[in-house]
Amino acid sequence: ATVDPILKVVDSSNPPLRLLFGKVAYSVVKDVYAQRLASI
């Protein structure tokens, strides 16, 4: 499932600095960053 995403990154004229791969990465990082901002 990572094949098409990596091709899109390589072909992008304006690629992102960071790109999460996978629904676990997305949900966990989003939740942890919300907790960090709250603590700040």
Full PDB file with SEQRES, HELIX, SHEET, SSBOND, CRYST1, ORIGX, SCALE, CONECT and MASTER records, all heavy atoms in Angstrom:
SEQRES   1 A   40  ALA THR VAL ASP PRO ILE LEU LYS VAL VAL ASP SER SER          
SEQRES   2 A   40  ASN PRO PRO LEU ARG LEU LEU PHE GLY LYS VAL ALA TYR          
SEQRES   3 A   40  SER VAL VAL LYS ASP VAL TYR ALA GLN ARG LEU ALA SER          
SEQRES   4 A   40  ILE                                                          
HELIX    1 AA1 VAL A    3  ASP A   11  1                                   9    
HELIX    2 AA2 LYS A   23  SER A   39  1                                  17    
CRYST1    1.000    1.000    1.000  90.00  90.00  90.00 P 1           1          
ORIGX1      1.000000  0.000000  0.000000        0.00000                         
ORIGX2      0.000000  1.000000  0.000000        0.00000                         
ORIGX3      0.000000  0.000000  1.000000        0.00000                         
SCALE1      1.000000  0.000000  0.000000        0.00000                         
SCALE2      0.000000  1.000000  0.000000        0.00000                         
SCALE3      0.000000  0.000000  1.000000        0.00000                         
ATOM      1  N   ALA A   1       0.819  -1.220   0.000  1.00  0.00           N  
ATOM      2  CA  ALA A   1       0.000   0.000   0.000  1.00  0.00           C  
ATOM      3  C   ALA A   1       0.852   1.270   0.000  1.00  0.00           C  
ATOM      4  O   ALA A   1       0.335   2.359  -0.251  1.00  0.00           O  
ATOM      5  CB  ALA A   1      -0.927   0.004   1.210  1.00  0.00           C  
ATOM      6  N   THR A   2       2.152   1.127   0.270  1.00  0.00           N  
ATOM      7  CA  THR A   2       3.033   2.305   0.289  1.00  0.00           C  
ATOM      8  C   THR A   2       3.574   2.671  -1.087  1.00  0.00           C  
ATOM      9  O   THR A   2       4.195   3.724  -1.239  1.00  0.00           O  
ATOM     10  CB  THR A   2       4.240   2.072   1.224  1.00  0.00           C  
ATOM     11  OG1 THR A   2       5.080   1.023   0.687  1.00  0.00           O  
ATOM     12  CG2 THR A   2       3.788   1.703   2.634  1.00  0.00           C  
ATOM     13  N   VAL A   3       3.348   1.828  -2.077  1.00  0.00           N  
ATOM     14  CA  VAL A   3       3.942   2.065  -3.400  1.00  0.00           C  
ATOM     15  C   VAL A   3       3.408   3.354  -4.033  1.00  0.00           C  
ATOM     16  O   VAL A   3       4.191   4.231  -4.427  1.00  0.00           O  
ATOM     17  CB  VAL A   3       3.719   0.855  -4.336  1.00  0.00           C  
ATOM     18  CG1 VAL A   3       4.117   1.223  -5.768  1.00  0.00           C  
ATOM     19  CG2 VAL A   3       4.550  -0.331  -3.859  1.00  0.00           C  
ATOM     20  N   ASP A   4       2.101   3.478  -4.156  1.00  0.00           N  
ATOM     21  CA  ASP A   4       1.533   4.691  -4.754  1.00  0.00           C  
ATOM     22  C   ASP A   4       1.909   5.949  -3.972  1.00  0.00           C  
ATOM     23  O   ASP A   4       2.263   6.976  -4.574  1.00  0.00           O  
ATOM     24  CB  ASP A   4       0.016   4.572  -4.883  1.00  0.00           C  
ATOM     25  CG  ASP A   4      -0.397   3.703  -6.061  1.00  0.00           C  
ATOM     26  OD1 ASP A   4       0.470   3.439  -6.935  1.00  0.00           O  
ATOM     27  OD2 ASP A   4      -1.567   3.287  -6.119  1.00  0.00           O  
ATOM     28  N   PRO A   5       1.854   5.924  -2.620  1.00  0.00           N  
ATOM     29  CA  PRO A   5       2.274   7.108  -1.872  1.00  0.00           C  
ATOM     30  C   PRO A   5       3.727   7.518  -2.115  1.00  0.00           C  
ATOM     31  O   PRO A   5       4.015   8.711  -2.260  1.00  0.00           O  
ATOM     32  CB  PRO A   5       2.049   6.695  -0.418  1.00  0.00           C  
ATOM     33  CG  PRO A   5       0.908   5.741  -0.480  1.00  0.00           C  
ATOM     34  CD  PRO A   5       1.152   4.959  -1.746  1.00  0.00           C  
ATOM     35  N   ILE A   6       4.642   6.557  -2.194  1.00  0.00           N  
ATOM     36  CA  ILE A   6       6.040   6.936  -2.404  1.00  0.00           C  
ATOM     37  C   ILE A   6       6.235   7.486  -3.820  1.00  0.00           C  
ATOM     38  O   ILE A   6       7.027   8.412  -4.034  1.00  0.00           O  
ATOM     39  CB  ILE A   6       7.014   5.760  -2.109  1.00  0.00           C  
ATOM     40  CG1 ILE A   6       8.447   6.293  -1.890  1.00  0.00           C  
ATOM     41  CG2 ILE A   6       7.033   4.740  -3.218  1.00  0.00           C  
ATOM     42  CD1 ILE A   6       8.629   7.099  -0.643  1.00  0.00           C  
ATOM     43  N   LEU A   7       5.496   6.962  -4.792  1.00  0.00           N  
ATOM     44  CA  LEU A   7       5.564   7.496  -6.152  1.00  0.00           C  
ATOM     45  C   LEU A   7       5.048   8.935  -6.192  1.00  0.00           C  
ATOM     46  O   LEU A   7       5.625   9.793  -6.867  1.00  0.00           O  
ATOM     47  CB  LEU A   7       4.760   6.620  -7.120  1.00  0.00           C  
ATOM     48  CG  LEU A   7       5.268   5.198  -7.354  1.00  0.00           C  
ATOM     49  CD1 LEU A   7       4.350   4.453  -8.313  1.00  0.00           C  
ATOM     50  CD2 LEU A   7       6.694   5.186  -7.887  1.00  0.00           C  
ATOM     51  N   LYS A   8       3.987   9.203  -5.440  1.00  0.00           N  
ATOM     52  CA  LYS A   8       3.437  10.563  -5.390  1.00  0.00           C  
ATOM     53  C   LYS A   8       4.434  11.537  -4.771  1.00  0.00           C  
ATOM     54  O   LYS A   8       4.572  12.682  -5.216  1.00  0.00           O  
ATOM     55  CB  LYS A   8       2.129  10.579  -4.601  1.00  0.00           C  
ATOM     56  CG  LYS A   8       0.957   9.952  -5.343  1.00  0.00           C  
ATOM     57  CD  LYS A   8      -0.318   9.985  -4.516  1.00  0.00           C  
ATOM     58  CE  LYS A   8      -1.469   9.328  -5.278  1.00  0.00           C  
ATOM     59  NZ  LYS A   8      -2.715   9.277  -4.471  1.00  0.00           N  
ATOM     60  N   VAL A   9       5.130  11.095  -3.735  1.00  0.00           N  
ATOM     61  CA  VAL A   9       6.132  11.948  -3.085  1.00  0.00           C  
ATOM     62  C   VAL A   9       7.267  12.260  -4.060  1.00  0.00           C  
ATOM     63  O   VAL A   9       7.700  13.413  -4.195  1.00  0.00           O  
ATOM     64  CB  VAL A   9       6.697  11.266  -1.823  1.00  0.00           C  
ATOM     65  CG1 VAL A   9       7.868  12.059  -1.258  1.00  0.00           C  
ATOM     66  CG2 VAL A   9       5.609  11.130  -0.769  1.00  0.00           C  
ATOM     67  N   VAL A  10       7.747  11.238  -4.747  1.00  0.00           N  
ATOM     68  CA  VAL A  10       8.848  11.420  -5.703  1.00  0.00           C  
ATOM     69  C   VAL A  10       8.438  12.334  -6.850  1.00  0.00           C  
ATOM     70  O   VAL A  10       9.242  13.133  -7.343  1.00  0.00           O  
ATOM     71  CB  VAL A  10       9.315  10.043  -6.235  1.00  0.00           C  
ATOM     72  CG1 VAL A  10      10.190  10.195  -7.461  1.00  0.00           C  
ATOM     73  CG2 VAL A  10      10.071   9.290  -5.134  1.00  0.00           C  
ATOM     74  N   ASP A  11       7.190  12.242  -7.275  1.00  0.00           N  
ATOM     75  CA  ASP A  11       6.720  13.011  -8.431  1.00  0.00           C  
ATOM     76  C   ASP A  11       6.256  14.423  -8.084  1.00  0.00           C  
ATOM     77  O   ASP A  11       6.031  15.240  -8.977  1.00  0.00           O  
ATOM     78  CB  ASP A  11       5.571  12.266  -9.120  1.00  0.00           C  
ATOM     79  CG  ASP A  11       6.021  10.984  -9.788  1.00  0.00           C  
ATOM     80  OD1 ASP A  11       7.238  10.837 -10.038  1.00  0.00           O  
ATOM     81  OD2 ASP A  11       5.163  10.117 -10.049  1.00  0.00           O  
ATOM     82  N   SER A  12       6.134  14.719  -6.807  1.00  0.00           N  
ATOM     83  CA  SER A  12       5.613  16.026  -6.399  1.00  0.00           C  
ATOM     84  C   SER A  12       6.604  17.146  -6.687  1.00  0.00           C  
ATOM     85  O   SER A  12       7.802  17.020  -6.414  1.00  0.00           O  
ATOM     86  CB  SER A  12       5.274  16.017  -4.908  1.00  0.00           C  
ATOM     87  OG  SER A  12       4.884  17.307  -4.485  1.00  0.00           O  
ATOM     88  N   SER A  13       6.099  18.257  -7.213  1.00  0.00           N  
ATOM     89  CA  SER A  13       6.945  19.429  -7.435  1.00  0.00           C  
ATOM     90  C   SER A  13       7.111  20.238  -6.152  1.00  0.00           C  
ATOM     91  O   SER A  13       7.994  21.093  -6.058  1.00  0.00           O  
ATOM     92  CB  SER A  13       6.332  20.331  -8.522  1.00  0.00           C  
ATOM     93  OG  SER A  13       5.022  20.747  -8.139  1.00  0.00           O  
ATOM     94  N   ASN A  14       6.266  19.951  -5.167  1.00  0.00           N  
ATOM     95  CA  ASN A  14       6.351  20.636  -3.878  1.00  0.00           C  
ATOM     96  C   ASN A  14       6.112  19.618  -2.763  1.00  0.00           C  
ATOM     97  O   ASN A  14       5.088  19.654  -2.077  1.00  0.00           O  
ATOM     98  CB  ASN A  14       5.314  21.767  -3.808  1.00  0.00           C  
ATOM     99  CG  ASN A  14       5.442  22.588  -2.543  1.00  0.00           C  
ATOM    100  OD1 ASN A  14       6.532  22.720  -1.965  1.00  0.00           O  
ATOM    101  ND2 ASN A  14       4.329  23.127  -2.077  1.00  0.00           N  
ATOM    102  N   PRO A  15       7.070  18.711  -2.562  1.00  0.00           N  
ATOM    103  CA  PRO A  15       6.862  17.635  -1.595  1.00  0.00           C  
ATOM    104  C   PRO A  15       6.863  18.142  -0.161  1.00  0.00           C  
ATOM    105  O   PRO A  15       7.497  19.161   0.141  1.00  0.00           O  
ATOM    106  CB  PRO A  15       8.061  16.705  -1.853  1.00  0.00           C  
ATOM    107  CG  PRO A  15       9.120  17.612  -2.385  1.00  0.00           C  
ATOM    108  CD  PRO A  15       8.388  18.634  -3.209  1.00  0.00           C  
ATOM    109  N   PRO A  16       6.174  17.435   0.732  1.00  0.00           N  
ATOM    110  CA  PRO A  16       6.116  17.864   2.135  1.00  0.00           C  
ATOM    111  C   PRO A  16       7.428  17.566   2.855  1.00  0.00           C  
ATOM    112  O   PRO A  16       8.184  16.677   2.453  1.00  0.00           O  
ATOM    113  CB  PRO A  16       4.984  17.009   2.710  1.00  0.00           C  
ATOM    114  CG  PRO A  16       5.038  15.750   1.895  1.00  0.00           C  
ATOM    115  CD  PRO A  16       5.414  16.190   0.504  1.00  0.00           C  
ATOM    116  N   LEU A  17       7.683  18.299   3.924  1.00  0.00           N  
ATOM    117  CA  LEU A  17       8.841  17.984   4.768  1.00  0.00           C  
ATOM    118  C   LEU A  17       8.604  16.682   5.514  1.00  0.00           C  
ATOM    119  O   LEU A  17       9.516  15.864   5.659  1.00  0.00           O  
ATOM    120  CB  LEU A  17       9.097  19.117   5.771  1.00  0.00           C  
ATOM    121  CG  LEU A  17      10.187  18.847   6.823  1.00  0.00           C  
ATOM    122  CD1 LEU A  17      11.537  18.603   6.169  1.00  0.00           C  
ATOM    123  CD2 LEU A  17      10.259  19.991   7.820  1.00  0.00           C  
ATOM    124  N   ARG A  18       7.362  16.496   5.980  1.00  0.00           N  
ATOM    125  CA  ARG A  18       7.018  15.278   6.717  1.00  0.00           C  
ATOM    126  C   ARG A  18       5.768  14.647   6.117  1.00  0.00           C  
ATOM    127  O   ARG A  18       4.844  15.343   5.734  1.00  0.00           O  
ATOM    128  CB  ARG A  18       6.752  15.589   8.195  1.00  0.00           C  
ATOM    129  CG  ARG A  18       8.000  15.913   8.989  1.00  0.00           C  
ATOM    130  CD  ARG A  18       7.679  16.086  10.474  1.00  0.00           C  
ATOM    131  NE  ARG A  18       8.896  16.108  11.257  1.00  0.00           N  
ATOM    132  CZ  ARG A  18       9.621  17.213  11.464  1.00  0.00           C  
ATOM    133  NH1 ARG A  18       9.225  18.362  10.952  1.00  0.00           N  
ATOM    134  NH2 ARG A  18      10.725  17.150  12.193  1.00  0.00           N  
ATOM    135  N   LEU A  19       5.759  13.308   6.088  1.00  0.00           N  
ATOM    136  CA  LEU A  19       4.574  12.594   5.611  1.00  0.00           C  
ATOM    137  C   LEU A  19       4.443  11.289   6.379  1.00  0.00           C  
ATOM    138  O   LEU A  19       5.310  10.409   6.287  1.00  0.00           O  
ATOM    139  CB  LEU A  19       4.680  12.313   4.107  1.00  0.00           C  
ATOM    140  CG  LEU A  19       3.477  11.595   3.491  1.00  0.00           C  
ATOM    141  CD1 LEU A  19       2.204  12.426   3.627  1.00  0.00           C  
ATOM    142  CD2 LEU A  19       3.740  11.272   2.027  1.00  0.00           C  
ATOM    143  N   LEU A  20       3.375  11.174   7.149  1.00  0.00           N  
ATOM    144  CA  LEU A  20       3.094   9.948   7.881  1.00  0.00           C  
ATOM    145  C   LEU A  20       2.575   8.881   6.927  1.00  0.00           C  
ATOM    146  O   LEU A  20       1.793   9.168   6.032  1.00  0.00           O  
ATOM    147  CB  LEU A  20       2.055  10.218   8.973  1.00  0.00           C  
ATOM    148  CG  LEU A  20       2.479  11.190  10.073  1.00  0.00           C  
ATOM    149  CD1 LEU A  20       1.257  11.642  10.873  1.00  0.00           C  
ATOM    150  CD2 LEU A  20       3.506  10.548  10.995  1.00  0.00           C  
ATOM    151  N   PHE A  21       3.010   7.650   7.132  1.00  0.00           N  
ATOM    152  CA  PHE A  21       2.517   6.504   6.369  1.00  0.00           C  
ATOM    153  C   PHE A  21       1.765   5.591   7.333  1.00  0.00           C  
ATOM    154  O   PHE A  21       2.369   4.998   8.231  1.00  0.00           O  
ATOM    155  CB  PHE A  21       3.678   5.721   5.736  1.00  0.00           C  
ATOM    156  CG  PHE A  21       4.073   6.170   4.355  1.00  0.00           C  
ATOM    157  CD1 PHE A  21       3.736   7.426   3.872  1.00  0.00           C  
ATOM    158  CD2 PHE A  21       4.823   5.334   3.529  1.00  0.00           C  
ATOM    159  CE1 PHE A  21       4.115   7.844   2.600  1.00  0.00           C  
ATOM    160  CE2 PHE A  21       5.205   5.739   2.253  1.00  0.00           C  
ATOM    161  CZ  PHE A  21       4.852   6.991   1.787  1.00  0.00           C  
ATOM    162  N   GLY A  22       0.460   5.468   7.147  1.00  0.00           N  
ATOM    163  CA  GLY A  22      -0.324   4.518   7.926  1.00  0.00           C  
ATOM    164  C   GLY A  22      -1.289   5.177   8.883  1.00  0.00           C  
ATOM    165  O   GLY A  22      -1.036   6.252   9.418  1.00  0.00           O  
ATOM    166  N   LYS A  23      -2.427   4.511   9.108  1.00  0.00           N  
ATOM    167  CA  LYS A  23      -3.476   5.080   9.956  1.00  0.00           C  
ATOM    168  C   LYS A  23      -3.073   5.103  11.424  1.00  0.00           C  
ATOM    169  O   LYS A  23      -3.520   5.984  12.176  1.00  0.00           O  
ATOM    170  CB  LYS A  23      -4.785   4.319   9.757  1.00  0.00           C  
ATOM    171  CG  LYS A  23      -4.773   2.856  10.194  1.00  0.00           C  
ATOM    172  CD  LYS A  23      -6.126   2.190   9.925  1.00  0.00           C  
ATOM    173  CE  LYS A  23      -6.142   0.754  10.404  1.00  0.00           C  
ATOM    174  NZ  LYS A  23      -7.436   0.086  10.122  1.00  0.00           N  
ATOM    175  N   VAL A  24      -2.239   4.160  11.860  1.00  0.00           N  
ATOM    176  CA  VAL A  24      -1.772   4.166  13.252  1.00  0.00           C  
ATOM    177  C   VAL A  24      -0.871   5.373  13.484  1.00  0.00           C  
ATOM    178  O   VAL A  24      -1.007   6.096  14.476  1.00  0.00           O  
ATOM    179  CB  VAL A  24      -1.035   2.857  13.593  1.00  0.00           C  
ATOM    180  CG1 VAL A  24      -0.407   2.938  14.982  1.00  0.00           C  
ATOM    181  CG2 VAL A  24      -1.998   1.674  13.518  1.00  0.00           C  
ATOM    182  N   ALA A  25       0.065   5.592  12.559  1.00  0.00           N  
ATOM    183  CA  ALA A  25       0.952   6.750  12.671  1.00  0.00           C  
ATOM    184  C   ALA A  25       0.147   8.038  12.734  1.00  0.00           C  
ATOM    185  O   ALA A  25       0.404   8.910  13.578  1.00  0.00           O  
ATOM    186  CB  ALA A  25       1.920   6.781  11.481  1.00  0.00           C  
ATOM    187  N   TYR A  26      -0.831   8.165  11.859  1.00  0.00           N  
ATOM    188  CA  TYR A  26      -1.635   9.389  11.813  1.00  0.00           C  
ATOM    189  C   TYR A  26      -2.358   9.630  13.134  1.00  0.00           C  
ATOM    190  O   TYR A  26      -2.289  10.714  13.713  1.00  0.00           O  
ATOM    191  CB  TYR A  26      -2.645   9.314  10.669  1.00  0.00           C  
ATOM    192  CG  TYR A  26      -3.590  10.494  10.639  1.00  0.00           C  
ATOM    193  CD1 TYR A  26      -3.203  11.708  10.077  1.00  0.00           C  
ATOM    194  CD2 TYR A  26      -4.857  10.396  11.204  1.00  0.00           C  
ATOM    195  CE1 TYR A  26      -4.062  12.795  10.074  1.00  0.00           C  
ATOM    196  CE2 TYR A  26      -5.720  11.480  11.210  1.00  0.00           C  
ATOM    197  CZ  TYR A  26      -5.318  12.675  10.638  1.00  0.00           C  
ATOM    198  OH  TYR A  26      -6.164  13.749  10.652  1.00  0.00           O  
ATOM    199  N   SER A  27      -3.070   8.618  13.631  1.00  0.00           N  
ATOM    200  CA  SER A  27      -3.892   8.810  14.828  1.00  0.00           C  
ATOM    201  C   SER A  27      -3.046   8.988  16.081  1.00  0.00           C  
ATOM    202  O   SER A  27      -3.346   9.847  16.925  1.00  0.00           O  
ATOM    203  CB  SER A  27      -4.860   7.631  15.004  1.00  0.00           C  
ATOM    204  OG  SER A  27      -4.153   6.419  15.163  1.00  0.00           O  
ATOM    205  N   VAL A  28      -1.969   8.218  16.205  1.00  0.00           N  
ATOM    206  CA  VAL A  28      -1.121   8.312  17.403  1.00  0.00           C  
ATOM    207  C   VAL A  28      -0.404   9.655  17.462  1.00  0.00           C  
ATOM    208  O   VAL A  28      -0.397  10.326  18.498  1.00  0.00           O  
ATOM    209  CB  VAL A  28      -0.101   7.150  17.442  1.00  0.00           C  
ATOM    210  CG1 VAL A  28       0.931   7.386  18.536  1.00  0.00           C  
ATOM    211  CG2 VAL A  28      -0.816   5.824  17.674  1.00  0.00           C  
ATOM    212  N   VAL A  29       0.202  10.064  16.353  1.00  0.00           N  
ATOM    213  CA  VAL A  29       0.935  11.331  16.341  1.00  0.00           C  
ATOM    214  C   VAL A  29      -0.012  12.498  16.591  1.00  0.00           C  
ATOM    215  O   VAL A  29       0.295  13.423  17.353  1.00  0.00           O  
ATOM    216  CB  VAL A  29       1.704  11.510  15.016  1.00  0.00           C  
ATOM    217  CG1 VAL A  29       2.278  12.924  14.906  1.00  0.00           C  
ATOM    218  CG2 VAL A  29       2.821  10.475  14.923  1.00  0.00           C  
ATOM    219  N   LYS A  30      -1.184  12.470  15.982  1.00  0.00           N  
ATOM    220  CA  LYS A  30      -2.161  13.545  16.185  1.00  0.00           C  
ATOM    221  C   LYS A  30      -2.552  13.663  17.658  1.00  0.00           C  
ATOM    222  O   LYS A  30      -2.591  14.767  18.233  1.00  0.00           O  
ATOM    223  CB  LYS A  30      -3.399  13.281  15.326  1.00  0.00           C  
ATOM    224  CG  LYS A  30      -4.436  14.397  15.387  1.00  0.00           C  
ATOM    225  CD  LYS A  30      -5.624  14.073  14.493  1.00  0.00           C  
ATOM    226  CE  LYS A  30      -6.674  15.180  14.565  1.00  0.00           C  
ATOM    227  NZ  LYS A  30      -7.866  14.876  13.745  1.00  0.00           N  
ATOM    228  N   ASP A  31      -2.818  12.531  18.305  1.00  0.00           N  
ATOM    229  CA  ASP A  31      -3.223  12.538  19.714  1.00  0.00           C  
ATOM    230  C   ASP A  31      -2.085  13.006  20.621  1.00  0.00           C  
ATOM    231  O   ASP A  31      -2.302  13.803  21.544  1.00  0.00           O  
ATOM    232  CB  ASP A  31      -3.686  11.146  20.142  1.00  0.00           C  
ATOM    233  CG  ASP A  31      -5.022  10.751  19.527  1.00  0.00           C  
ATOM    234  OD1 ASP A  31      -5.701  11.638  18.964  1.00  0.00           O  
ATOM    235  OD2 ASP A  31      -5.368   9.555  19.592  1.00  0.00           O  
ATOM    236  N   VAL A  32      -0.879  12.499  20.372  1.00  0.00           N  
ATOM    237  CA  VAL A  32       0.263  12.861  21.219  1.00  0.00           C  
ATOM    238  C   VAL A  32       0.587  14.345  21.090  1.00  0.00           C  
ATOM    239  O   VAL A  32       0.869  15.020  22.088  1.00  0.00           O  
ATOM    240  CB  VAL A  32       1.492  11.995  20.877  1.00  0.00           C  
ATOM    241  CG1 VAL A  32       2.747  12.546  21.554  1.00  0.00           C  
ATOM    242  CG2 VAL A  32       1.259  10.553  21.303  1.00  0.00           C  
ATOM    243  N   TYR A  33       0.506  14.883  19.889  1.00  0.00           N  
ATOM    244  CA  TYR A  33       0.801  16.306  19.707  1.00  0.00           C  
ATOM    245  C   TYR A  33      -0.263  17.180  20.370  1.00  0.00           C  
ATOM    246  O   TYR A  33       0.059  18.250  20.910  1.00  0.00           O  
ATOM    247  CB  TYR A  33       0.950  16.628  18.226  1.00  0.00           C  
ATOM    248  CG  TYR A  33       2.383  16.518  17.764  1.00  0.00           C  
ATOM    249  CD1 TYR A  33       3.037  15.290  17.765  1.00  0.00           C  
ATOM    250  CD2 TYR A  33       3.094  17.639  17.363  1.00  0.00           C  
ATOM    251  CE1 TYR A  33       4.352  15.171  17.383  1.00  0.00           C  
ATOM    252  CE2 TYR A  33       4.422  17.536  16.965  1.00  0.00           C  
ATOM    253  CZ  TYR A  33       5.052  16.305  16.972  1.00  0.00           C  
ATOM    254  OH  TYR A  33       6.358  16.197  16.606  1.00  0.00           O  
ATOM    255  N   ALA A  34      -1.509  16.739  20.367  1.00  0.00           N  
ATOM    256  CA  ALA A  34      -2.551  17.480  21.067  1.00  0.00           C  
ATOM    257  C   ALA A  34      -2.266  17.517  22.566  1.00  0.00           C  
ATOM    258  O   ALA A  34      -2.427  18.561  23.225  1.00  0.00           O  
ATOM    259  CB  ALA A  34      -3.914  16.844  20.801  1.00  0.00           C  
ATOM    260  N   GLN A  35      -1.814  16.380  23.118  1.00  0.00           N  
ATOM    261  CA  GLN A  35      -1.465  16.312  24.534  1.00  0.00           C  
ATOM    262  C   GLN A  35      -0.260  17.205  24.845  1.00  0.00           C  
ATOM    263  O   GLN A  35      -0.219  17.874  25.886  1.00  0.00           O  
ATOM    264  CB  GLN A  35      -1.164  14.867  24.930  1.00  0.00           C  
ATOM    265  CG  GLN A  35      -2.367  13.942  24.873  1.00  0.00           C  
ATOM    266  CD  GLN A  35      -1.980  12.474  24.932  1.00  0.00           C  
ATOM    267  OE1 GLN A  35      -0.875  12.121  25.332  1.00  0.00           O  
ATOM    268  NE2 GLN A  35      -2.895  11.616  24.516  1.00  0.00           N  
ATOM    269  N   ARG A  36       0.713  17.239  23.945  1.00  0.00           N  
ATOM    270  CA  ARG A  36       1.895  18.081  24.158  1.00  0.00           C  
ATOM    271  C   ARG A  36       1.523  19.556  24.170  1.00  0.00           C  
ATOM    272  O   ARG A  36       2.009  20.326  25.005  1.00  0.00           O  
ATOM    273  CB  ARG A  36       2.936  17.807  23.068  1.00  0.00           C  
ATOM    274  CG  ARG A  36       3.640  16.471  23.218  1.00  0.00           C  
ATOM    275  CD  ARG A  36       4.616  16.226  22.087  1.00  0.00           C  
ATOM    276  NE  ARG A  36       5.250  14.922  22.218  1.00  0.00           N  
ATOM    277  CZ  ARG A  36       6.044  14.373  21.313  1.00  0.00           C  
ATOM    278  NH1 ARG A  36       6.290  15.025  20.174  1.00  0.00           N  
ATOM    279  NH2 ARG A  36       6.580  13.190  21.515  1.00  0.00           N  
ATOM    280  N   LEU A  37       0.675  19.956  23.245  1.00  0.00           N  
ATOM    281  CA  LEU A  37       0.248  21.357  23.195  1.00  0.00           C  
ATOM    282  C   LEU A  37      -0.525  21.736  24.454  1.00  0.00           C  
ATOM    283  O   LEU A  37      -0.358  22.838  24.994  1.00  0.00           O  
ATOM    284  CB  LEU A  37      -0.604  21.601  21.946  1.00  0.00           C  
ATOM    285  CG  LEU A  37       0.152  21.628  20.621  1.00  0.00           C  
ATOM    286  CD1 LEU A  37      -0.826  21.647  19.446  1.00  0.00           C  
ATOM    287  CD2 LEU A  37       1.080  22.838  20.549  1.00  0.00           C  
ATOM    288  N   ALA A  38      -1.352  20.818  24.934  1.00  0.00           N  
ATOM    289  CA  ALA A  38      -2.109  21.082  26.159  1.00  0.00           C  
ATOM    290  C   ALA A  38      -1.166  21.257  27.351  1.00  0.00           C  
ATOM    291  O   ALA A  38      -1.358  22.143  28.195  1.00  0.00           O  
ATOM    292  CB  ALA A  38      -3.100  19.948  26.422  1.00  0.00           C  
ATOM    293  N   SER A  39      -0.144  20.423  27.420  1.00  0.00           N  
ATOM    294  CA  SER A  39       0.832  20.520  28.510  1.00  0.00           C  
ATOM    295  C   SER A  39       1.636  21.810  28.428  1.00  0.00           C  
ATOM    296  O   SER A  39       1.928  22.446  29.450  1.00  0.00           O  
ATOM    297  CB  SER A  39       1.783  19.310  28.465  1.00  0.00           C  
ATOM    298  OG  SER A  39       2.738  19.383  29.501  1.00  0.00           O  
ATOM    299  N   ILE A  40       1.977  22.227  27.216  1.00  0.00           N  
ATOM    300  CA  ILE A  40       2.700  23.495  27.019  1.00  0.00           C  
ATOM    301  C   ILE A  40       1.874  24.662  27.550  1.00  0.00           C  
ATOM    302  O   ILE A  40       2.383  25.547  28.246  1.00  0.00           O  
ATOM    303  CB  ILE A  40       3.036  23.694  25.531  1.00  0.00           C  
ATOM    304  CG1 ILE A  40       4.155  22.736  25.103  1.00  0.00           C  
ATOM    305  CG2 ILE A  40       3.442  25.144  25.247  1.00  0.00           C  
ATOM    306  CD1 ILE A  40       4.392  22.686  23.614  1.00  0.00           C  
TER     307      ILE A  40                                                      
MASTER        0    0    0    2    0    0    0    6  306    1    0    4          
END                                                                             
